[in-house]
Protein backbone atom coordinates (compact mmCIF):
# COMPACT_ATOMS: atom_id res chain seq x y z
CA MET A 1 -33.33 -32.61 218.24
CA PHE A 2 -34.97 -33.10 214.86
CA ARG A 3 -31.97 -35.11 213.65
CA PHE A 4 -32.12 -37.28 216.78
CA LEU A 5 -35.82 -37.96 216.23
CA CYS A 6 -35.15 -38.92 212.60
CA LEU A 7 -32.40 -41.32 213.62
CA ALA A 8 -34.63 -42.84 216.29
CA LEU A 9 -37.45 -43.25 213.79
CA LEU A 10 -35.12 -44.92 211.28
CA GLY A 11 -33.85 -47.28 213.99
CA TRP A 12 -37.40 -48.19 214.98
CA LEU A 13 -38.33 -48.79 211.34
CA SER A 14 -35.30 -51.06 210.84
CA ILE A 15 -36.23 -53.09 213.93
CA THR A 16 -39.85 -53.33 212.76
CA ALA A 17 -38.73 -54.41 209.29
CA ALA A 18 -36.43 -57.07 210.78
CA SER A 19 -39.26 -58.38 212.96
CA ALA A 20 -41.55 -58.57 209.96
CA GLN A 21 -38.86 -60.44 208.02
CA ASP A 22 -38.46 -62.90 210.89
CA GLU A 23 -42.21 -63.49 210.98
CA ALA A 24 -42.13 -64.33 207.28
CA TYR A 25 -38.99 -66.48 207.53
CA ARG A 26 -39.37 -70.19 206.95
CA PRO A 27 -36.58 -72.77 207.42
CA PHE A 28 -34.77 -73.59 204.24
CA TYR A 29 -35.71 -76.67 202.26
CA SER A 30 -34.88 -77.94 198.80
CA PRO A 31 -35.78 -81.37 197.44
CA ASP A 32 -32.78 -81.11 195.12
CA THR A 33 -29.86 -82.77 196.92
CA LEU A 34 -27.36 -82.58 194.05
CA GLN A 35 -25.51 -79.55 195.44
CA ARG A 36 -25.04 -81.20 198.84
CA HIS A 37 -23.90 -84.42 197.20
CA GLU A 38 -21.32 -82.65 195.03
CA LEU A 39 -19.99 -80.68 198.01
CA ALA A 40 -19.81 -83.85 200.12
CA VAL A 41 -17.91 -85.73 197.40
CA ALA A 42 -15.46 -82.83 196.98
CA GLN A 43 -14.65 -82.61 200.70
CA ARG A 44 -14.36 -86.38 201.02
CA SER A 45 -11.88 -86.44 198.15
CA ALA A 46 -9.95 -83.49 199.62
CA LEU A 47 -9.48 -85.27 202.95
CA ARG A 48 -8.29 -88.48 201.28
CA ALA A 49 -5.86 -86.50 199.13
CA GLU A 50 -4.27 -84.69 202.07
CA MET A 51 -3.89 -87.87 204.15
CA PRO A 52 -2.36 -90.56 201.92
CA VAL A 53 -1.31 -93.82 203.55
CA PRO A 54 2.36 -93.44 204.57
CA LYS A 55 4.91 -95.69 202.94
CA ALA A 56 6.84 -96.16 206.17
CA GLY A 57 5.72 -98.37 209.05
CA SER A 58 4.52 -101.92 209.40
CA SER A 59 1.82 -103.39 207.18
CA GLU A 60 -0.58 -103.43 210.18
CA TYR A 61 0.12 -99.75 210.82
CA ARG A 62 -0.46 -98.75 207.20
CA ALA A 63 -3.65 -100.84 206.92
CA HIS A 64 -4.97 -99.33 210.15
CA TYR A 65 -4.10 -95.83 208.93
CA GLY A 66 -5.97 -96.40 205.67
CA ARG A 67 -9.07 -97.65 207.51
CA VAL A 68 -9.15 -94.62 209.79
CA VAL A 69 -8.84 -92.21 206.84
CA GLN A 70 -11.62 -94.03 205.00
CA GLU A 71 -13.87 -93.80 208.06
CA ALA A 72 -13.07 -90.11 208.58
CA SER A 73 -13.75 -89.27 204.93
CA ALA A 74 -17.03 -91.20 205.04
CA ASP A 75 -17.99 -89.24 208.16
CA VAL A 76 -17.27 -85.97 206.34
CA TYR A 77 -19.36 -87.10 203.37
CA ASN A 78 -22.34 -88.04 205.56
CA ALA A 79 -22.14 -84.86 207.66
CA ILE A 80 -22.33 -82.74 204.50
CA ARG A 81 -24.59 -84.87 202.32
CA TYR A 82 -27.31 -85.23 204.94
CA ALA A 83 -26.89 -82.12 207.11
CA ALA A 84 -25.31 -79.23 205.16
CA LEU A 85 -27.41 -76.07 205.36
CA LEU A 86 -27.21 -74.20 202.05
CA ASP A 87 -29.82 -71.55 202.79
CA PRO A 88 -29.71 -68.00 201.32
CA VAL A 89 -29.41 -66.15 204.66
CA VAL A 90 -27.49 -67.87 207.47
CA GLU A 91 -24.91 -69.74 205.39
CA PRO A 92 -23.75 -66.67 203.39
CA TYR A 93 -23.39 -64.75 206.64
CA VAL A 94 -21.04 -67.26 208.28
CA HIS A 95 -19.12 -67.61 205.01
CA GLN A 96 -18.62 -63.85 205.01
CA VAL A 97 -17.02 -64.05 208.46
CA PHE A 98 -14.88 -66.98 207.31
CA ALA A 99 -13.74 -65.10 204.19
CA ARG A 100 -12.64 -62.09 206.26
CA ILE A 101 -10.46 -64.34 208.40
CA LEU A 102 -8.83 -65.92 205.33
CA ARG A 103 -8.18 -62.53 203.72
CA ALA A 104 -6.44 -61.31 206.87
CA ASN A 105 -4.37 -64.54 207.08
CA PRO A 106 -3.18 -65.37 203.55
CA GLN A 107 -0.69 -67.92 204.91
CA LEU A 108 -3.53 -70.33 205.72
CA THR A 109 -4.10 -73.33 203.46
CA ALA A 110 -5.85 -72.29 200.27
CA GLY A 111 -9.03 -74.19 199.54
CA THR A 112 -10.17 -74.75 203.13
CA ARG A 113 -13.97 -74.98 202.99
CA LEU A 114 -16.40 -73.98 205.73
CA VAL A 115 -19.60 -76.05 205.82
CA LEU A 116 -22.55 -75.02 207.99
CA THR A 117 -24.44 -78.10 209.14
CA ARG A 118 -27.92 -78.42 210.62
CA ASN A 119 -26.57 -80.36 213.58
CA PRO A 120 -28.27 -78.84 216.66
CA GLU A 121 -25.37 -79.63 219.01
CA PRO A 122 -23.39 -76.45 219.85
CA ASN A 123 -20.03 -77.43 218.40
CA ALA A 124 -17.54 -76.97 215.55
CA ARG A 125 -14.68 -79.14 214.33
CA ALA A 126 -11.89 -79.17 211.79
CA VAL A 127 -11.40 -82.29 209.68
CA GLY A 128 -7.88 -82.04 208.38
CA ARG A 129 -6.88 -78.91 206.50
CA SER A 130 -9.67 -79.06 203.93
CA THR A 131 -12.91 -78.81 205.93
CA VAL A 132 -14.29 -76.90 208.90
CA LEU A 133 -17.73 -78.07 210.06
CA LEU A 134 -19.75 -75.48 211.99
CA ASN A 135 -22.90 -76.74 213.71
CA LEU A 136 -25.97 -74.54 213.52
CA GLY A 137 -26.59 -75.16 217.22
CA LEU A 138 -23.58 -73.04 218.19
CA LEU A 139 -24.78 -69.78 216.61
CA PRO A 140 -27.57 -68.89 219.09
CA ARG A 141 -25.18 -69.44 222.01
CA LEU A 142 -22.69 -66.79 220.85
CA GLU A 143 -23.12 -63.08 221.57
CA ASN A 144 -21.40 -61.38 218.65
CA GLU A 145 -19.56 -61.87 215.38
CA SER A 146 -16.10 -61.68 216.99
CA GLN A 147 -16.88 -64.74 219.08
CA LEU A 148 -17.93 -66.64 215.96
CA ALA A 149 -14.70 -65.50 214.31
CA TYR A 150 -12.63 -66.88 217.20
CA VAL A 151 -14.35 -70.27 216.98
CA LEU A 152 -13.52 -70.39 213.26
CA CYS A 153 -9.93 -69.23 213.90
CA HIS A 154 -9.53 -71.99 216.50
CA GLU A 155 -10.65 -74.64 214.01
CA LEU A 156 -8.47 -73.19 211.25
CA ALA A 157 -5.54 -73.39 213.67
CA HIS A 158 -6.16 -77.13 214.11
CA GLY A 159 -5.89 -77.58 210.35
CA ALA A 160 -2.87 -75.33 209.94
CA SER A 161 -1.08 -77.25 212.71
CA HIS A 162 -1.80 -80.64 211.06
CA HIS A 163 -3.37 -81.91 214.30
CA LEU A 164 -5.47 -84.61 212.64
CA GLU A 165 -2.47 -86.16 210.86
CA THR A 166 -0.17 -85.80 213.87
CA GLY A 167 -2.72 -87.20 216.32
CA LEU A 168 -3.50 -90.15 214.09
CA HIS A 169 0.18 -90.93 213.59
CA ASP A 170 0.95 -90.69 217.32
CA ARG A 171 -1.96 -92.89 218.35
CA LEU A 172 -1.37 -95.59 215.74
CA THR A 173 2.35 -95.61 216.47
CA ALA A 174 1.57 -96.26 220.13
CA ILE A 175 -1.00 -98.95 219.34
CA HIS A 176 1.32 -100.84 217.00
CA SER A 177 4.50 -100.33 219.03
CA LYS A 178 6.57 -103.33 220.08
CA GLU A 179 6.57 -102.08 223.67
CA LEU A 180 2.77 -102.11 223.92
CA ARG A 181 2.49 -105.57 222.37
CA ARG A 182 5.21 -106.93 224.64
CA GLU A 183 3.46 -105.53 227.72
CA PHE A 184 0.11 -106.91 226.56
CA ARG A 185 1.57 -110.42 226.09
CA ARG A 186 3.21 -110.24 229.50
CA ILE A 187 -0.11 -109.37 231.18
CA VAL A 188 -2.06 -112.08 229.34
CA ASN A 189 0.50 -114.72 230.28
CA SER A 190 0.63 -113.69 233.95
CA GLU A 191 -1.14 -115.79 236.57
CA TYR A 192 -2.86 -113.15 238.70
CA ASN A 193 -4.67 -109.80 238.36
CA ILE A 194 -4.93 -109.95 234.59
CA SER A 195 -8.05 -107.78 234.53
CA SER A 196 -6.64 -105.08 236.81
CA GLN A 197 -3.35 -105.00 234.87
CA LEU A 198 -5.18 -104.62 231.53
CA LYS A 199 -7.28 -101.84 233.06
CA ALA A 200 -4.13 -100.05 234.25
CA LEU A 201 -2.57 -100.40 230.80
CA ALA A 202 -5.67 -98.96 229.13
CA LEU A 203 -5.80 -96.10 231.63
CA GLY A 204 -2.17 -95.21 230.99
CA PHE A 205 -2.80 -95.23 227.24
CA SER A 206 -5.86 -93.01 227.70
CA LEU A 207 -3.91 -90.55 229.85
CA SER A 208 -1.17 -90.37 227.22
CA SER A 209 -3.65 -89.80 224.38
CA SER A 210 -5.55 -87.16 226.35
CA TYR A 211 -2.31 -85.30 226.98
CA HIS A 212 -1.74 -85.03 223.23
CA HIS A 213 -5.31 -83.77 222.72
CA ARG A 214 -4.83 -81.12 225.39
CA ARG A 215 -1.56 -80.07 223.79
CA PHE A 216 -3.35 -79.67 220.46
CA GLU A 217 -6.11 -77.59 222.04
CA ARG A 218 -3.60 -75.24 223.64
CA GLN A 219 -1.82 -74.83 220.31
CA ALA A 220 -5.15 -74.12 218.57
CA ASP A 221 -6.09 -71.58 221.26
CA SER A 222 -2.76 -69.83 220.82
CA LEU A 223 -2.65 -69.80 217.02
CA GLY A 224 -6.38 -69.08 216.87
CA TYR A 225 -5.85 -65.98 218.97
CA VAL A 226 -3.05 -64.83 216.65
CA LEU A 227 -5.26 -65.36 213.59
CA LEU A 228 -8.10 -63.42 215.23
CA ALA A 229 -5.80 -60.55 216.22
CA ARG A 230 -4.82 -60.08 212.56
CA THR A 231 -8.43 -59.43 211.59
CA SER A 232 -10.67 -56.45 212.26
CA TYR A 233 -12.57 -58.45 214.87
CA GLU A 234 -12.18 -57.87 218.61
CA ALA A 235 -9.41 -60.14 219.92
CA PRO A 236 -10.52 -59.72 223.60
CA GLN A 237 -13.69 -61.65 222.68
CA ALA A 238 -11.60 -64.86 222.55
CA TYR A 239 -11.64 -64.96 226.34
CA ARG A 240 -15.40 -64.43 226.50
CA THR A 241 -15.90 -67.19 223.92
CA LEU A 242 -14.19 -69.66 226.24
CA GLN A 243 -16.38 -68.45 229.10
CA LEU A 244 -19.46 -69.31 227.01
CA LEU A 245 -18.05 -72.70 226.03
CA ASP A 246 -17.46 -73.47 229.69
CA VAL A 247 -21.25 -73.42 230.31
CA ILE A 248 -22.38 -74.56 226.85
CA ASP A 249 -23.95 -77.74 228.29
CA GLN A 250 -26.24 -75.70 230.55
CA PRO A 251 -29.66 -74.67 229.18
CA GLU A 252 -29.75 -71.29 227.49
CA ASN A 253 -33.19 -70.60 229.00
CA PRO A 254 -33.87 -72.52 232.24
CA ALA A 255 -37.34 -71.00 232.78
CA PRO A 256 -40.24 -73.50 233.05
CA LEU A 257 -42.31 -73.96 229.92
CA PRO A 258 -45.77 -72.31 229.92
CA LEU A 259 -47.49 -75.68 229.51
CA ALA A 260 -50.69 -74.71 231.32
CA ALA A 261 -51.09 -71.53 229.28
CA GLN A 262 -50.65 -73.41 226.00
CA PHE A 263 -52.34 -76.76 226.64
CA SER A 264 -55.02 -76.28 229.29
CA CYS A 265 -58.41 -74.74 228.51
CA THR A 266 -61.97 -74.66 229.83
CA GLN A 267 -63.07 -77.59 227.70
CA PHE A 268 -60.04 -79.73 228.60
CA PRO A 269 -58.54 -78.51 231.89
CA ARG A 270 -55.21 -80.09 232.71
CA ALA A 271 -52.69 -79.67 235.52
CA PHE A 272 -48.96 -79.56 234.79
CA GLY A 273 -45.85 -79.60 236.89
CA ALA A 274 -46.77 -82.40 239.29
CA ALA A 275 -43.82 -84.21 240.80
CA ALA A 276 -42.89 -87.38 238.97
CA ALA A 277 -43.22 -90.71 240.72
CA PRO A 278 -39.77 -91.73 241.98
CA ALA A 279 -40.20 -95.31 240.77
CA SER A 280 -40.96 -94.34 237.17
CA ILE A 281 -39.28 -96.64 234.67
CA PHE A 282 -38.61 -93.59 232.51
CA THR A 283 -36.36 -91.89 235.08
CA VAL A 284 -32.68 -92.51 234.41
CA GLN A 285 -30.39 -91.97 237.38
CA ALA A 286 -27.28 -90.08 236.38
CA ALA A 287 -24.13 -92.03 237.14
CA ALA A 288 -21.98 -90.61 239.91
CA LYS A 289 -18.83 -89.02 238.56
CA THR A 290 -15.47 -90.23 239.74
CA VAL A 291 -12.57 -87.99 240.67
CA LEU A 292 -10.94 -88.67 237.32
CA GLU A 293 -14.09 -87.63 235.45
CA THR A 294 -14.58 -84.39 237.38
CA SER A 295 -10.93 -83.36 237.17
CA ASP A 296 -9.12 -82.39 234.00
CA THR A 297 -7.25 -85.70 233.80
CA LEU A 298 -9.30 -87.60 231.22
CA LYS A 299 -10.91 -84.74 229.31
CA SER A 300 -9.88 -84.54 225.67
CA HIS A 301 -10.41 -80.78 225.84
CA PRO A 302 -8.64 -78.92 228.64
CA ASP A 303 -10.71 -77.35 231.35
CA CYS A 304 -12.01 -74.02 230.02
CA GLY A 305 -10.73 -72.29 233.17
CA LYS A 306 -7.17 -73.29 232.25
CA ARG A 307 -7.71 -72.25 228.65
CA MET A 308 -9.06 -68.87 229.76
CA ARG A 309 -5.99 -68.24 231.91
CA PHE A 310 -3.79 -69.17 228.96
CA VAL A 311 -5.62 -66.78 226.60
CA GLN A 312 -5.55 -64.08 229.26
CA GLY A 313 -1.76 -64.38 229.28
CA LEU A 314 -1.60 -64.21 225.49
CA SER A 315 -3.72 -61.04 225.46
CA GLN A 316 -1.73 -59.46 228.32
CA GLY A 317 -4.93 -59.10 230.32
CA ARG A 318 -6.97 -57.35 227.60
CA VAL A 319 -10.06 -59.56 227.73
CA ALA A 320 -13.82 -59.25 227.40
CA GLU A 321 -15.43 -60.83 230.44
CA GLY A 322 -19.04 -61.47 231.41
CA PRO A 323 -22.19 -60.88 229.36
CA GLN A 324 -21.56 -58.59 226.42
CA PRO A 325 -23.73 -55.72 225.10
CA PRO A 326 -26.67 -56.67 222.89
CA SER A 327 -25.64 -58.17 219.59
CA PRO A 328 -25.49 -55.92 216.52
CA PRO A 329 -28.72 -56.15 214.48
CA ASP A 330 -27.24 -58.32 211.73
CA PHE A 331 -25.80 -60.94 214.07
CA ASP A 332 -28.85 -60.81 216.33
CA ARG A 333 -31.04 -61.66 213.35
CA ILE A 334 -28.77 -64.58 212.45
CA ARG A 335 -29.17 -65.88 216.01
CA ARG A 336 -32.97 -65.62 215.81
CA LEU A 337 -33.17 -67.33 212.42
CA SER A 338 -30.79 -70.04 213.61
CA ARG A 339 -33.18 -70.84 216.44
CA LEU A 340 -36.00 -71.33 213.93
CA GLU A 341 -33.75 -73.55 211.81
CA LEU A 342 -32.91 -75.57 214.94
CA VAL A 343 -36.60 -76.29 215.59
CA GLN A 344 -36.82 -77.69 212.08
CA SER A 345 -33.59 -79.65 212.45
CA TRP A 346 -34.83 -81.43 215.57
CA PHE A 347 -38.10 -82.23 213.78
CA ASP A 348 -36.39 -83.52 210.64
CA TYR A 349 -34.14 -85.74 212.78
CA ASP A 350 -37.31 -87.31 214.29
CA CYS A 351 -36.54 -85.75 217.70
CA TYR A 352 -40.09 -84.51 218.17
CA ASP A 353 -39.66 -83.96 221.90
CA HIS A 354 -36.81 -81.52 221.25
CA ALA A 355 -38.69 -79.84 218.39
CA LEU A 356 -41.72 -79.31 220.61
CA PHE A 357 -39.54 -78.04 223.46
CA GLU A 358 -37.67 -75.52 221.30
CA ALA A 359 -40.88 -74.25 219.67
CA LEU A 360 -42.57 -73.76 223.06
CA GLN A 361 -39.53 -71.87 224.35
CA LEU A 362 -39.64 -69.45 221.42
CA LEU A 363 -43.41 -68.89 221.36
CA PRO A 364 -43.56 -66.37 224.26
CA GLN A 365 -41.23 -64.08 222.28
CA GLN A 366 -43.03 -64.73 218.97
CA PRO A 367 -46.65 -65.52 219.91
CA GLN A 368 -47.94 -64.77 216.41
CA SER A 369 -45.40 -66.91 214.59
CA GLY A 370 -47.36 -69.11 212.26
CA TYR A 371 -44.29 -71.30 211.78
CA LEU A 372 -43.83 -72.05 215.49
CA ARG A 373 -47.52 -72.76 215.97
CA ALA A 374 -47.49 -75.12 212.99
CA MET A 375 -44.44 -76.94 214.38
CA VAL A 376 -46.17 -77.49 217.72
CA GLN A 377 -49.16 -79.09 215.98
CA LEU A 378 -46.92 -81.16 213.70
CA SER A 379 -44.86 -82.36 216.67
CA LEU A 380 -47.99 -83.39 218.55
CA PHE A 381 -49.24 -85.20 215.45
CA GLU A 382 -45.98 -87.13 215.00
CA LEU A 383 -45.82 -88.00 218.70
CA ARG A 384 -49.32 -89.48 218.58
CA GLN A 385 -48.46 -91.39 215.41
CA HIS A 386 -45.51 -93.03 217.14
CA LEU A 387 -47.52 -93.71 220.29
CA GLN A 388 -50.10 -95.55 218.19
CA ALA A 389 -47.34 -97.46 216.38
CA HIS A 390 -45.67 -98.44 219.70
CA THR A 391 -42.47 -96.62 218.68
CA PHE A 392 -42.84 -93.75 221.14
CA SER A 393 -39.55 -94.51 222.88
CA GLU A 394 -37.71 -94.05 219.57
CA VAL A 395 -38.68 -90.38 219.30
CA VAL A 396 -38.98 -89.28 222.95
CA SER A 397 -36.07 -89.14 225.39
CA ASN A 398 -36.09 -90.56 228.88
CA VAL A 399 -36.12 -88.27 231.89
CA SER A 400 -32.55 -87.86 233.11
CA GLU A 401 -30.67 -85.74 235.61
CA ARG A 402 -28.23 -84.95 232.82
CA GLN A 403 -30.91 -82.86 231.08
CA ALA A 404 -32.38 -79.46 231.86
CA ALA A 405 -35.18 -79.39 234.44
CA ASN A 406 -37.65 -77.68 232.07
CA PHE A 407 -36.99 -80.29 229.37
CA ASN A 408 -37.52 -83.08 231.91
CA GLU A 409 -40.84 -81.48 232.88
CA LEU A 410 -42.01 -81.72 229.27
CA LEU A 411 -40.78 -85.33 229.02
CA ARG A 412 -42.73 -86.35 232.12
CA THR A 413 -45.84 -84.85 230.58
CA LEU A 414 -45.30 -86.65 227.27
CA HIS A 415 -44.67 -90.01 228.92
CA GLU A 416 -47.95 -89.74 230.84
CA LEU A 417 -50.11 -89.02 227.78
CA ARG A 418 -52.62 -91.38 226.27
CA THR A 419 -53.57 -91.39 222.61
CA ASP A 420 -56.75 -89.33 223.14
CA ASP A 421 -54.87 -86.71 225.15
CA PHE A 422 -53.17 -85.39 222.04
CA ARG A 423 -56.52 -84.27 220.62
CA GLU A 424 -57.18 -82.27 223.79
CA LEU A 425 -53.72 -80.70 223.80
CA SER A 426 -54.08 -79.71 220.15
CA THR A 427 -57.53 -78.21 220.72
CA CYS A 428 -56.43 -76.14 223.71
CA PHE A 429 -53.30 -74.99 221.93
CA ALA A 430 -55.32 -73.78 218.93
CA ARG A 431 -57.70 -71.87 221.22
CA ALA A 432 -54.80 -70.23 223.05
CA ALA A 433 -53.47 -68.75 219.82
CA PRO A 434 -53.66 -64.94 219.56
CA PRO A 435 -55.73 -63.53 216.70
CA VAL A 436 -53.64 -63.44 213.54
CA GLU A 437 -54.28 -62.87 209.89
CA ALA A 438 -55.40 -65.87 207.90
CA PRO A 439 -52.35 -67.84 206.71
CA ALA A 440 -51.39 -67.42 203.10
CA ALA A 441 -52.56 -70.23 200.86
CA ALA A 442 -48.97 -70.72 199.66
CA ASP A 443 -47.56 -71.20 203.19
CA GLU A 444 -46.50 -74.83 203.30
CA PHE A 445 -46.00 -74.89 207.07
CA ALA A 446 -49.40 -73.37 207.83
CA LEU A 447 -51.15 -75.89 205.58
CA ALA A 448 -49.26 -78.82 207.11
CA GLY A 449 -50.03 -77.50 210.59
CA ARG A 450 -53.73 -77.24 209.79
CA TYR A 451 -53.69 -80.81 208.52
CA ALA A 452 -51.98 -82.00 211.71
CA ALA A 453 -54.54 -80.22 213.92
CA ALA A 454 -57.43 -81.65 211.88
CA ALA A 455 -55.95 -85.17 211.96
CA LEU A 456 -55.57 -84.96 215.74
CA ALA A 457 -59.20 -83.89 216.14
CA ALA A 458 -60.89 -86.30 213.71
CA PRO A 459 -60.44 -89.78 212.20
CA PRO A 460 -57.95 -89.98 209.30
CA THR A 461 -60.79 -90.73 206.88
CA ASP A 462 -62.73 -87.59 207.83
CA PRO A 463 -63.51 -85.55 204.68
CA ALA A 464 -61.98 -82.39 206.13
CA VAL A 465 -58.74 -84.22 206.96
CA LEU A 466 -58.55 -85.82 203.52
CA ALA A 467 -59.25 -82.46 201.84
CA LEU A 468 -56.34 -80.81 203.68
CA ARG A 469 -54.06 -83.74 202.89
CA ASP A 470 -54.96 -83.69 199.21
CA ASP A 471 -54.58 -79.90 199.08
CA TYR A 472 -51.07 -80.17 200.53
CA ARG A 473 -50.05 -82.94 198.14
CA ARG A 474 -51.43 -80.99 195.19
CA ARG A 475 -49.60 -77.80 196.13
CA TYR A 476 -46.36 -79.42 197.36
CA PRO A 477 -45.88 -82.80 195.64
CA ARG A 478 -42.20 -82.73 196.70
CA GLY A 479 -42.77 -80.74 199.87
CA ARG A 480 -40.96 -81.09 203.16
CA PHE A 481 -43.88 -82.93 204.84
CA ALA A 482 -45.12 -84.99 201.89
CA ALA A 483 -43.82 -88.24 203.40
CA LEU A 484 -45.45 -87.49 206.76
CA LEU A 485 -49.01 -87.19 205.46
CA PRO A 486 -50.20 -90.80 205.35
CA VAL A 487 -52.33 -92.12 202.54
CA PRO A 488 -54.97 -94.56 203.86
CA PRO A 489 -54.84 -97.94 202.08
CA ALA A 490 -57.37 -98.37 199.32
CA PRO A 491 -60.31 -100.60 200.28
CA ARG A 492 -59.92 -104.14 199.10
CA ALA A 493 -62.21 -105.05 196.24
CA THR A 494 -64.85 -107.63 197.03
CA GLY A 495 -67.11 -109.64 194.79
CA ARG A 496 -66.61 -112.01 191.94
CA ARG A 497 -64.75 -111.35 188.75
């Protein structure tokens, strides 16, 4: 009994320590971009080296091939140079998983580099044999490390199977084939139904290309499963990974946001959740899907149901199905920190509606998080700045049936706000905050959040606002928010010389 109590106490202490670490965690930032630039240049060069322009083929084919490779390498450079996350916690963790896979599969191409990007979309992709790009947005949607390992094995399988080179060759060969050109000239020179014939030709080409993509995905599923089975990770989790990918476009948390609890108070009472006017110019009607779009015919990726059945056959029925047990502490912490990094990613990409939404979703679980509370105030501040500058539509999405209902509810609220409303929202939000210790003077986010709240409540020339702005600039001259704190123009000199 005593031993059990000791183990329980140690477990509780570890959880408490992890929670304290999460409270103190701040998204990674470094004004020094040299490391990202060097990594981006290296991966761009690696892709160009592994995909030289072939000597065979027509001059049009070779020129087209070279242009595509240049565009793909430029895309790799930009994805790494402007979005690579080189933090000291999350990136080393995913690299550790990647390294275990490579050690268990020495036949894989040496020198393949995994790059974790701050892209909030839940996705991953292989670019040739040299680079695997893993989006930060995928990590919170996975349940355990084995599922992350299968995603990486799947992308490594694409590289090992030369799918980028093969797909490019097949597509360009079809585009520059004599048969396609002959058929195109015949249609153009015909007298009737030119448009419908061109549409049928394009549809046939799309169906053919999609078939090759689906073939590649099946090969990557198969080889990815073999690569995973050679590791110490749980191979049955491959099936569960595909289950999660099948619903990846659905919201992780569909619960309504607690807007009234956060933004309504005695001084500024406000009602939320009212039905939107049906004639609103901000409501975008989702286009009706055709039979081809809802079937598996034109999808570049096969239907996940088909892929699951295929993996089930590979595993001889040994699959993990349905929600899995709680994540191990290490992976669970990576998921939590990734969510904080995602809030910052949305904000840094000027998607202040998404940043506000993600912060409000996390606040009920972390009500004392100084970081989340600062990001709410900073998002409100930026939204008001853009409303005043008549650029609100550039940073706030339109309401759409394609989006989650709780996100649409926030968008309706934002689109109805006037400039003065942001002061009231900020005031009520600050009053709803639970009592916490005074923020540390060296906390950049807390100081920027206090400036945002003060700037929402008072004119930009108010002494208290200017004092907070100057304090931030003095402490963090190259800080993350330095460019967002405006400097009022100096008064023009008057009088005679």
